[in-house]
All heavy atoms as atom14 arrays in JSON, in Angstrom:
{
  "sequence": "EAAKVAAAVKLQDKTGKKYFDFHQRLLMGRGQADKAKALAAAKEA",
  "atom14_mask": [
    [1, 1, 1, 1, 1, 1, 1, 1, 1, 0, 0, 0, 0, 0],
    [1, 1, 1, 1, 1, 0, 0, 0, 0, 0, 0, 0, 0, 0],
    [1, 1, 1, 1, 1, 0, 0, 0, 0, 0, 0, 0, 0, 0],
    [1, 1, 1, 1, 1, 1, 1, 1, 1, 0, 0, 0, 0, 0],
    [1, 1, 1, 1, 1, 1, 1, 0, 0, 0, 0, 0, 0, 0],
    [1, 1, 1, 1, 1, 0, 0, 0, 0, 0, 0, 0, 0, 0],
    [1, 1, 1, 1, 1, 0, 0, 0, 0, 0, 0, 0, 0, 0],
    [1, 1, 1, 1, 1, 0, 0, 0, 0, 0, 0, 0, 0, 0],
    [1, 1, 1, 1, 1, 1, 1, 0, 0, 0, 0, 0, 0, 0],
    [1, 1, 1, 1, 1, 1, 1, 1, 1, 0, 0, 0, 0, 0],
    [1, 1, 1, 1, 1, 1, 1, 1, 0, 0, 0, 0, 0, 0],
    [1, 1, 1, 1, 1, 1, 1, 1, 1, 0, 0, 0, 0, 0],
    [1, 1, 1, 1, 1, 1, 1, 1, 0, 0, 0, 0, 0, 0],
    [1, 1, 1, 1, 1, 1, 1, 1, 1, 0, 0, 0, 0, 0],
    [1, 1, 1, 1, 1, 1, 1, 0, 0, 0, 0, 0, 0, 0],
    [1, 1, 1, 1, 0, 0, 0, 0, 0, 0, 0, 0, 0, 0],
    [1, 1, 1, 1, 1, 1, 1, 1, 1, 0, 0, 0, 0, 0],
    [1, 1, 1, 1, 1, 1, 1, 1, 1, 0, 0, 0, 0, 0],
    [1, 1, 1, 1, 1, 1, 1, 1, 1, 1, 1, 1, 0, 0],
    [1, 1, 1, 1, 1, 1, 1, 1, 1, 1, 1, 0, 0, 0],
    [1, 1, 1, 1, 1, 1, 1, 1, 0, 0, 0, 0, 0, 0],
    [1, 1, 1, 1, 1, 1, 1, 1, 1, 1, 1, 0, 0, 0],
    [1, 1, 1, 1, 1, 1, 1, 1, 1, 1, 0, 0, 0, 0],
    [1, 1, 1, 1, 1, 1, 1, 1, 1, 0, 0, 0, 0, 0],
    [1, 1, 1, 1, 1, 1, 1, 1, 1, 1, 1, 0, 0, 0],
    [1, 1, 1, 1, 1, 1, 1, 1, 0, 0, 0, 0, 0, 0],
    [1, 1, 1, 1, 1, 1, 1, 1, 0, 0, 0, 0, 0, 0],
    [1, 1, 1, 1, 1, 1, 1, 1, 0, 0, 0, 0, 0, 0],
    [1, 1, 1, 1, 0, 0, 0, 0, 0, 0, 0, 0, 0, 0],
    [1, 1, 1, 1, 1, 1, 1, 1, 1, 1, 1, 0, 0, 0],
    [1, 1, 1, 1, 0, 0, 0, 0, 0, 0, 0, 0, 0, 0],
    [1, 1, 1, 1, 1, 1, 1, 1, 1, 0, 0, 0, 0, 0],
    [1, 1, 1, 1, 1, 0, 0, 0, 0, 0, 0, 0, 0, 0],
    [1, 1, 1, 1, 1, 1, 1, 1, 0, 0, 0, 0, 0, 0],
    [1, 1, 1, 1, 1, 1, 1, 1, 1, 0, 0, 0, 0, 0],
    [1, 1, 1, 1, 1, 0, 0, 0, 0, 0, 0, 0, 0, 0],
    [1, 1, 1, 1, 1, 1, 1, 1, 1, 0, 0, 0, 0, 0],
    [1, 1, 1, 1, 1, 0, 0, 0, 0, 0, 0, 0, 0, 0],
    [1, 1, 1, 1, 1, 1, 1, 1, 0, 0, 0, 0, 0, 0],
    [1, 1, 1, 1, 1, 0, 0, 0, 0, 0, 0, 0, 0, 0],
    [1, 1, 1, 1, 1, 0, 0, 0, 0, 0, 0, 0, 0, 0],
    [1, 1, 1, 1, 1, 0, 0, 0, 0, 0, 0, 0, 0, 0],
    [1, 1, 1, 1, 1, 1, 1, 1, 1, 0, 0, 0, 0, 0],
    [1, 1, 1, 1, 1, 1, 1, 1, 1, 0, 0, 0, 0, 0],
    [1, 1, 1, 1, 1, 0, 0, 0, 0, 0, 0, 0, 0, 0]
  ],
  "atom14_positions": [
    [[64.3, 148.73, 22.63], [63.43, 148.56, 23.79], [63.88, 147.36, 24.63], [63.94, 147.43, 25.87], [61.99, 148.35, 23.33], [61.35, 149.58, 22.71], [59.94, 149.3, 22.21], [59.52, 148.12, 22.27], [59.27, 150.24, 21.78], [0.0, 0.0, 0.0], [0.0, 0.0, 0.0], [0.0, 0.0, 0.0], [0.0, 0.0, 0.0], [0.0, 0.0, 0.0]],
    [[64.17, 146.23, 23.97], [64.6, 145.03, 24.69], [65.9, 145.28, 25.43], [66.09, 144.82, 26.57], [64.75, 143.87, 23.71], [0.0, 0.0, 0.0], [0.0, 0.0, 0.0], [0.0, 0.0, 0.0], [0.0, 0.0, 0.0], [0.0, 0.0, 0.0], [0.0, 0.0, 0.0], [0.0, 0.0, 0.0], [0.0, 0.0, 0.0], [0.0, 0.0, 0.0]],
    [[66.83, 146.02, 24.79], [68.1, 146.31, 25.42], [67.92, 147.2, 26.64], [68.61, 147.04, 27.66], [69.04, 146.98, 24.42], [0.0, 0.0, 0.0], [0.0, 0.0, 0.0], [0.0, 0.0, 0.0], [0.0, 0.0, 0.0], [0.0, 0.0, 0.0], [0.0, 0.0, 0.0], [0.0, 0.0, 0.0], [0.0, 0.0, 0.0], [0.0, 0.0, 0.0]],
    [[66.99, 148.13, 26.56], [66.72, 149.0, 27.72], [66.19, 148.19, 28.9], [66.62, 148.38, 30.04], [65.71, 150.09, 27.34], [66.26, 151.19, 26.46], [65.18, 152.23, 26.18], [65.71, 153.38, 25.35], [64.64, 154.39, 25.07], [0.0, 0.0, 0.0], [0.0, 0.0, 0.0], [0.0, 0.0, 0.0], [0.0, 0.0, 0.0], [0.0, 0.0, 0.0]],
    [[65.28, 147.27, 28.62], [64.76, 146.41, 29.69], [65.89, 145.55, 30.26], [66.01, 145.39, 31.49], [63.62, 145.52, 29.17], [63.19, 144.52, 30.26], [62.43, 146.37, 28.74], [0.0, 0.0, 0.0], [0.0, 0.0, 0.0], [0.0, 0.0, 0.0], [0.0, 0.0, 0.0], [0.0, 0.0, 0.0], [0.0, 0.0, 0.0], [0.0, 0.0, 0.0]],
    [[66.74, 145.01, 29.39], [67.85, 144.18, 29.85], [68.79, 144.97, 30.75], [69.24, 144.48, 31.8], [68.61, 143.61, 28.66], [0.0, 0.0, 0.0], [0.0, 0.0, 0.0], [0.0, 0.0, 0.0], [0.0, 0.0, 0.0], [0.0, 0.0, 0.0], [0.0, 0.0, 0.0], [0.0, 0.0, 0.0], [0.0, 0.0, 0.0], [0.0, 0.0, 0.0]],
    [[69.1, 146.21, 30.35], [69.97, 147.04, 31.18], [69.3, 147.37, 32.5], [69.97, 147.47, 33.54], [70.32, 148.32, 30.42], [0.0, 0.0, 0.0], [0.0, 0.0, 0.0], [0.0, 0.0, 0.0], [0.0, 0.0, 0.0], [0.0, 0.0, 0.0], [0.0, 0.0, 0.0], [0.0, 0.0, 0.0], [0.0, 0.0, 0.0], [0.0, 0.0, 0.0]],
    [[67.98, 147.54, 32.49], [67.25, 147.8, 33.74], [67.24, 146.56, 34.63], [67.38, 146.65, 35.85], [65.81, 148.22, 33.41], [0.0, 0.0, 0.0], [0.0, 0.0, 0.0], [0.0, 0.0, 0.0], [0.0, 0.0, 0.0], [0.0, 0.0, 0.0], [0.0, 0.0, 0.0], [0.0, 0.0, 0.0], [0.0, 0.0, 0.0], [0.0, 0.0, 0.0]],
    [[67.1, 145.39, 34.02], [67.13, 144.13, 34.77], [68.47, 143.96, 35.47], [68.53, 143.47, 36.61], [66.84, 142.95, 33.81], [67.29, 141.63, 34.41], [65.35, 142.9, 33.48], [0.0, 0.0, 0.0], [0.0, 0.0, 0.0], [0.0, 0.0, 0.0], [0.0, 0.0, 0.0], [0.0, 0.0, 0.0], [0.0, 0.0, 0.0], [0.0, 0.0, 0.0]],
    [[69.54, 144.37, 34.81], [70.87, 144.22, 35.41], [70.98, 144.98, 36.73], [71.76, 144.6, 37.6], [71.95, 144.69, 34.44], [72.17, 143.75, 33.27], [73.41, 144.11, 32.46], [73.24, 145.42, 31.74], [74.35, 145.68, 30.8], [0.0, 0.0, 0.0], [0.0, 0.0, 0.0], [0.0, 0.0, 0.0], [0.0, 0.0, 0.0], [0.0, 0.0, 0.0]],
    [[70.22, 146.06, 36.87], [70.26, 146.83, 38.11], [69.73, 146.03, 39.29], [70.03, 146.34, 40.44], [69.44, 148.12, 37.95], [69.89, 149.09, 36.87], [68.95, 150.28, 36.79], [71.32, 149.55, 37.13], [0.0, 0.0, 0.0], [0.0, 0.0, 0.0], [0.0, 0.0, 0.0], [0.0, 0.0, 0.0], [0.0, 0.0, 0.0], [0.0, 0.0, 0.0]],
    [[68.94, 145.0, 39.01], [68.37, 144.16, 40.07], [69.21, 142.93, 40.37], [68.9, 142.18, 41.29], [66.96, 143.73, 39.68], [65.98, 144.86, 39.45], [64.58, 144.35, 39.14], [64.11, 143.36, 39.72], [63.89, 145.02, 38.22], [0.0, 0.0, 0.0], [0.0, 0.0, 0.0], [0.0, 0.0, 0.0], [0.0, 0.0, 0.0], [0.0, 0.0, 0.0]],
    [[70.25, 142.69, 39.59], [71.03, 141.46, 39.78], [72.47, 141.67, 39.34], [72.82, 141.42, 38.19], [70.4, 140.31, 38.99], [71.19, 139.02, 39.12], [71.86, 138.83, 40.16], [71.18, 138.22, 38.18], [0.0, 0.0, 0.0], [0.0, 0.0, 0.0], [0.0, 0.0, 0.0], [0.0, 0.0, 0.0], [0.0, 0.0, 0.0], [0.0, 0.0, 0.0]],
    [[73.3, 142.1, 40.24], [74.71, 142.31, 39.91], [75.5, 141.0, 39.83], [76.6, 140.96, 39.31], [75.36, 143.23, 40.95], [74.86, 144.66, 40.89], [75.18, 145.31, 39.58], [74.76, 146.77, 39.54], [75.03, 147.41, 38.24], [0.0, 0.0, 0.0], [0.0, 0.0, 0.0], [0.0, 0.0, 0.0], [0.0, 0.0, 0.0], [0.0, 0.0, 0.0]],
    [[74.92, 139.9, 40.35], [75.64, 138.62, 40.31], [75.59, 137.99, 38.92], [76.47, 137.2, 38.57], [75.04, 137.63, 41.32], [73.71, 137.26, 40.89], [74.96, 138.24, 42.72], [0.0, 0.0, 0.0], [0.0, 0.0, 0.0], [0.0, 0.0, 0.0], [0.0, 0.0, 0.0], [0.0, 0.0, 0.0], [0.0, 0.0, 0.0], [0.0, 0.0, 0.0]],
    [[74.55, 138.31, 38.16], [74.44, 137.76, 36.81], [73.71, 136.45, 36.72], [73.39, 135.99, 35.62], [0.0, 0.0, 0.0], [0.0, 0.0, 0.0], [0.0, 0.0, 0.0], [0.0, 0.0, 0.0], [0.0, 0.0, 0.0], [0.0, 0.0, 0.0], [0.0, 0.0, 0.0], [0.0, 0.0, 0.0], [0.0, 0.0, 0.0], [0.0, 0.0, 0.0]],
    [[73.39, 135.81, 37.84], [72.77, 134.49, 37.8], [71.35, 134.57, 37.25], [70.99, 133.85, 36.32], [72.78, 133.87, 39.19], [74.19, 133.55, 39.7], [74.15, 132.94, 41.09], [75.56, 132.65, 41.6], [75.56, 132.08, 42.96], [0.0, 0.0, 0.0], [0.0, 0.0, 0.0], [0.0, 0.0, 0.0], [0.0, 0.0, 0.0], [0.0, 0.0, 0.0]],
    [[70.54, 135.43, 37.83], [69.17, 135.58, 37.34], [69.16, 136.28, 35.97], [68.31, 136.0, 35.13], [68.33, 136.37, 38.34], [67.98, 135.6, 39.59], [67.25, 136.48, 40.59], [65.91, 136.96, 40.05], [65.16, 137.77, 41.05], [0.0, 0.0, 0.0], [0.0, 0.0, 0.0], [0.0, 0.0, 0.0], [0.0, 0.0, 0.0], [0.0, 0.0, 0.0]],
    [[70.1, 137.19, 35.78], [70.17, 137.91, 34.5], [70.37, 136.94, 33.34], [69.75, 137.09, 32.29], [71.29, 138.94, 34.52], [71.51, 139.58, 33.17], [70.74, 140.67, 32.76], [72.46, 139.08, 32.28], [70.91, 141.24, 31.5], [72.65, 139.64, 31.03], [71.88, 140.72, 30.64], [72.05, 141.27, 29.39], [0.0, 0.0, 0.0], [0.0, 0.0, 0.0]],
    [[71.24, 135.95, 33.52], [71.51, 135.02, 32.41], [70.27, 134.19, 32.1], [70.03, 133.85, 30.94], [72.7, 134.12, 32.74], [73.24, 133.38, 31.55], [73.6, 134.05, 30.4], [73.37, 132.0, 31.58], [74.09, 133.38, 29.29], [73.87, 131.31, 30.48], [74.22, 132.01, 29.33], [0.0, 0.0, 0.0], [0.0, 0.0, 0.0], [0.0, 0.0, 0.0]],
    [[69.46, 133.88, 33.11], [68.2, 133.19, 32.88], [67.29, 134.07, 32.02], [66.72, 133.62, 31.02], [67.54, 132.87, 34.22], [66.23, 132.12, 34.04], [66.03, 131.47, 33.0], [65.39, 132.2, 34.96], [0.0, 0.0, 0.0], [0.0, 0.0, 0.0], [0.0, 0.0, 0.0], [0.0, 0.0, 0.0], [0.0, 0.0, 0.0], [0.0, 0.0, 0.0]],
    [[67.17, 135.34, 32.39], [66.39, 136.3, 31.6], [66.93, 136.4, 30.18], [66.17, 136.39, 29.21], [66.44, 137.67, 32.29], [66.16, 138.83, 31.37], [64.86, 139.19, 31.04], [67.22, 139.55, 30.82], [64.61, 140.26, 30.17], [66.98, 140.62, 29.96], [65.67, 140.97, 29.63], [0.0, 0.0, 0.0], [0.0, 0.0, 0.0], [0.0, 0.0, 0.0]],
    [[68.24, 136.52, 30.06], [68.9, 136.67, 28.77], [68.56, 135.5, 27.84], [68.21, 135.71, 26.67], [70.41, 136.73, 29.0], [71.23, 136.74, 27.75], [71.38, 137.85, 26.95], [71.98, 135.75, 27.15], [72.16, 137.57, 25.92], [72.53, 136.31, 26.01], [0.0, 0.0, 0.0], [0.0, 0.0, 0.0], [0.0, 0.0, 0.0], [0.0, 0.0, 0.0]],
    [[68.61, 134.29, 28.36], [68.32, 133.12, 27.54], [66.84, 133.07, 27.14], [66.5, 132.74, 26.0], [68.7, 131.85, 28.29], [70.2, 131.71, 28.53], [70.54, 130.54, 29.43], [70.86, 129.45, 28.96], [70.47, 130.76, 30.74], [0.0, 0.0, 0.0], [0.0, 0.0, 0.0], [0.0, 0.0, 0.0], [0.0, 0.0, 0.0], [0.0, 0.0, 0.0]],
    [[65.97, 133.41, 28.09], [64.54, 133.4, 27.8], [64.19, 134.38, 26.68], [63.45, 134.06, 25.74], [63.74, 133.76, 29.05], [63.75, 132.7, 30.14], [63.04, 133.21, 31.39], [63.12, 132.25, 32.47], [62.25, 131.27, 32.7], [61.2, 131.13, 31.86], [62.39, 130.44, 33.7], [0.0, 0.0, 0.0], [0.0, 0.0, 0.0], [0.0, 0.0, 0.0]],
    [[64.74, 135.59, 26.77], [64.41, 136.62, 25.78], [65.05, 136.32, 24.43], [64.42, 136.46, 23.38], [64.85, 137.99, 26.29], [64.55, 139.18, 25.38], [63.07, 139.24, 25.02], [65.0, 140.48, 26.03], [0.0, 0.0, 0.0], [0.0, 0.0, 0.0], [0.0, 0.0, 0.0], [0.0, 0.0, 0.0], [0.0, 0.0, 0.0], [0.0, 0.0, 0.0]],
    [[66.32, 135.9, 24.46], [67.02, 135.65, 23.21], [66.4, 134.5, 22.43], [66.34, 134.54, 21.2], [68.5, 135.37, 23.49], [69.43, 135.29, 22.28], [69.39, 136.59, 21.47], [70.86, 135.01, 22.73], [0.0, 0.0, 0.0], [0.0, 0.0, 0.0], [0.0, 0.0, 0.0], [0.0, 0.0, 0.0], [0.0, 0.0, 0.0], [0.0, 0.0, 0.0]],
    [[65.93, 133.49, 23.13], [65.38, 132.31, 22.46], [63.87, 132.34, 22.34], [63.25, 131.38, 21.89], [65.82, 131.04, 23.2], [67.32, 130.84, 23.23], [68.09, 130.95, 21.58], [67.34, 129.54, 20.75], [0.0, 0.0, 0.0], [0.0, 0.0, 0.0], [0.0, 0.0, 0.0], [0.0, 0.0, 0.0], [0.0, 0.0, 0.0], [0.0, 0.0, 0.0]],
    [[63.24, 133.46, 22.73], [61.8, 133.56, 22.62], [61.34, 133.65, 21.18], [62.1, 134.03, 20.28], [0.0, 0.0, 0.0], [0.0, 0.0, 0.0], [0.0, 0.0, 0.0], [0.0, 0.0, 0.0], [0.0, 0.0, 0.0], [0.0, 0.0, 0.0], [0.0, 0.0, 0.0], [0.0, 0.0, 0.0], [0.0, 0.0, 0.0], [0.0, 0.0, 0.0]],
    [[60.1, 133.34, 20.95], [59.53, 133.38, 19.6], [59.17, 134.82, 19.22], [58.8, 135.62, 20.07], [58.29, 132.5, 19.52], [58.58, 131.02, 19.65], [57.31, 130.21, 19.45], [57.56, 128.77, 19.5], [56.62, 127.84, 19.35], [55.37, 128.21, 19.13], [56.94, 126.56, 19.42], [0.0, 0.0, 0.0], [0.0, 0.0, 0.0], [0.0, 0.0, 0.0]],
    [[59.28, 135.11, 17.95], [58.9, 136.42, 17.47], [59.96, 137.47, 17.75], [61.03, 137.19, 18.31], [0.0, 0.0, 0.0], [0.0, 0.0, 0.0], [0.0, 0.0, 0.0], [0.0, 0.0, 0.0], [0.0, 0.0, 0.0], [0.0, 0.0, 0.0], [0.0, 0.0, 0.0], [0.0, 0.0, 0.0], [0.0, 0.0, 0.0], [0.0, 0.0, 0.0]],
    [[59.63, 138.7, 17.38], [60.55, 139.81, 17.54], [60.58, 140.28, 18.99], [59.54, 140.48, 19.61], [60.13, 140.97, 16.63], [60.37, 140.71, 15.16], [61.84, 140.67, 14.82], [62.57, 141.62, 15.03], [62.29, 139.56, 14.28], [0.0, 0.0, 0.0], [0.0, 0.0, 0.0], [0.0, 0.0, 0.0], [0.0, 0.0, 0.0], [0.0, 0.0, 0.0]],
    [[61.78, 140.45, 19.52], [61.93, 140.97, 20.88], [61.58, 142.44, 20.9], [61.93, 143.2, 19.99], [63.36, 140.76, 21.37], [0.0, 0.0, 0.0], [0.0, 0.0, 0.0], [0.0, 0.0, 0.0], [0.0, 0.0, 0.0], [0.0, 0.0, 0.0], [0.0, 0.0, 0.0], [0.0, 0.0, 0.0], [0.0, 0.0, 0.0], [0.0, 0.0, 0.0]],
    [[60.87, 142.86, 21.94], [60.53, 144.26, 22.13], [60.3, 144.49, 23.62], [60.61, 143.61, 24.44], [59.3, 144.65, 21.3], [58.09, 143.76, 21.58], [58.08, 143.05, 22.6], [57.14, 143.8, 20.77], [0.0, 0.0, 0.0], [0.0, 0.0, 0.0], [0.0, 0.0, 0.0], [0.0, 0.0, 0.0], [0.0, 0.0, 0.0], [0.0, 0.0, 0.0]],
    [[59.75, 145.62, 23.96], [59.52, 145.94, 25.37], [58.63, 144.9, 26.05], [58.96, 144.39, 27.13], [58.9, 147.33, 25.49], [58.52, 147.72, 26.91], [57.85, 149.1, 26.92], [57.33, 149.44, 28.3], [56.67, 150.78, 28.33], [0.0, 0.0, 0.0], [0.0, 0.0, 0.0], [0.0, 0.0, 0.0], [0.0, 0.0, 0.0], [0.0, 0.0, 0.0]],
    [[57.52, 144.57, 25.43], [56.58, 143.62, 26.04], [57.22, 142.25, 26.24], [57.08, 141.64, 27.31], [55.33, 143.51, 25.18], [0.0, 0.0, 0.0], [0.0, 0.0, 0.0], [0.0, 0.0, 0.0], [0.0, 0.0, 0.0], [0.0, 0.0, 0.0], [0.0, 0.0, 0.0], [0.0, 0.0, 0.0], [0.0, 0.0, 0.0], [0.0, 0.0, 0.0]],
    [[57.92, 141.76, 25.21], [58.56, 140.45, 25.31], [59.64, 140.47, 26.4], [59.81, 139.5, 27.15], [59.19, 140.06, 23.97], [58.18, 139.82, 22.85], [57.56, 138.45, 22.97], [56.57, 138.19, 21.82], [57.2, 138.18, 20.51], [0.0, 0.0, 0.0], [0.0, 0.0, 0.0], [0.0, 0.0, 0.0], [0.0, 0.0, 0.0], [0.0, 0.0, 0.0]],
    [[60.38, 141.57, 26.47], [61.46, 141.66, 27.45], [60.91, 141.72, 28.88], [61.45, 141.06, 29.78], [62.32, 142.89, 27.16], [0.0, 0.0, 0.0], [0.0, 0.0, 0.0], [0.0, 0.0, 0.0], [0.0, 0.0, 0.0], [0.0, 0.0, 0.0], [0.0, 0.0, 0.0], [0.0, 0.0, 0.0], [0.0, 0.0, 0.0], [0.0, 0.0, 0.0]],
    [[59.86, 142.48, 29.08], [59.27, 142.56, 30.42], [58.67, 141.21, 30.83], [58.76, 140.8, 32.0], [58.21, 143.64, 30.46], [58.73, 145.09, 30.39], [57.59, 146.07, 30.28], [59.6, 145.4, 31.62], [0.0, 0.0, 0.0], [0.0, 0.0, 0.0], [0.0, 0.0, 0.0], [0.0, 0.0, 0.0], [0.0, 0.0, 0.0], [0.0, 0.0, 0.0]],
    [[58.08, 140.5, 29.88], [57.54, 139.17, 30.18], [58.65, 138.2, 30.57], [58.52, 137.42, 31.52], [56.77, 138.64, 28.97], [0.0, 0.0, 0.0], [0.0, 0.0, 0.0], [0.0, 0.0, 0.0], [0.0, 0.0, 0.0], [0.0, 0.0, 0.0], [0.0, 0.0, 0.0], [0.0, 0.0, 0.0], [0.0, 0.0, 0.0], [0.0, 0.0, 0.0]],
    [[59.78, 138.26, 29.83], [60.93, 137.4, 30.16], [61.49, 137.76, 31.53], [61.91, 136.87, 32.3], [62.01, 137.54, 29.09], [0.0, 0.0, 0.0], [0.0, 0.0, 0.0], [0.0, 0.0, 0.0], [0.0, 0.0, 0.0], [0.0, 0.0, 0.0], [0.0, 0.0, 0.0], [0.0, 0.0, 0.0], [0.0, 0.0, 0.0], [0.0, 0.0, 0.0]],
    [[61.5, 139.05, 31.86], [62.0, 139.48, 33.17], [61.12, 138.92, 34.28], [61.63, 138.43, 35.31], [62.03, 141.01, 33.24], [0.0, 0.0, 0.0], [0.0, 0.0, 0.0], [0.0, 0.0, 0.0], [0.0, 0.0, 0.0], [0.0, 0.0, 0.0], [0.0, 0.0, 0.0], [0.0, 0.0, 0.0], [0.0, 0.0, 0.0], [0.0, 0.0, 0.0]],
    [[59.82, 138.98, 34.09], [58.9, 138.44, 35.1], [59.07, 136.94, 35.26], [59.11, 136.41, 36.38], [57.47, 138.78, 34.71], [56.44, 138.37, 35.75], [55.05, 138.82, 35.34], [54.02, 138.44, 36.4], [52.64, 138.9, 36.01], [0.0, 0.0, 0.0], [0.0, 0.0, 0.0], [0.0, 0.0, 0.0], [0.0, 0.0, 0.0], [0.0, 0.0, 0.0]],
    [[59.21, 136.23, 34.13], [59.39, 134.78, 34.18], [60.68, 134.4, 34.9], [60.76, 133.34, 35.53], [59.41, 134.21, 32.76], [58.06, 134.28, 32.06], [58.17, 133.92, 30.59], [59.29, 133.61, 30.14], [57.14, 133.96, 29.89], [0.0, 0.0, 0.0], [0.0, 0.0, 0.0], [0.0, 0.0, 0.0], [0.0, 0.0, 0.0], [0.0, 0.0, 0.0]],
    [[61.7, 135.25, 34.79], [62.99, 134.96, 35.43], [63.03, 135.4, 36.9], [64.06, 135.24, 37.56], [64.11, 135.65, 34.66], [0.0, 0.0, 0.0], [0.0, 0.0, 0.0], [0.0, 0.0, 0.0], [0.0, 0.0, 0.0], [0.0, 0.0, 0.0], [0.0, 0.0, 0.0], [0.0, 0.0, 0.0], [0.0, 0.0, 0.0], [0.0, 0.0, 0.0]]
  ]
}
């Protein structure tokens, strides 16, 4: 689920700048990553 959200996020940012912010937020977040955690990280980024 997290990977699907990440791949969807990439569609909004081909430069990678905002994506890497999202990537760090989700990877270093607490608990198990899933759809909800990934969407929250996307919004925060």
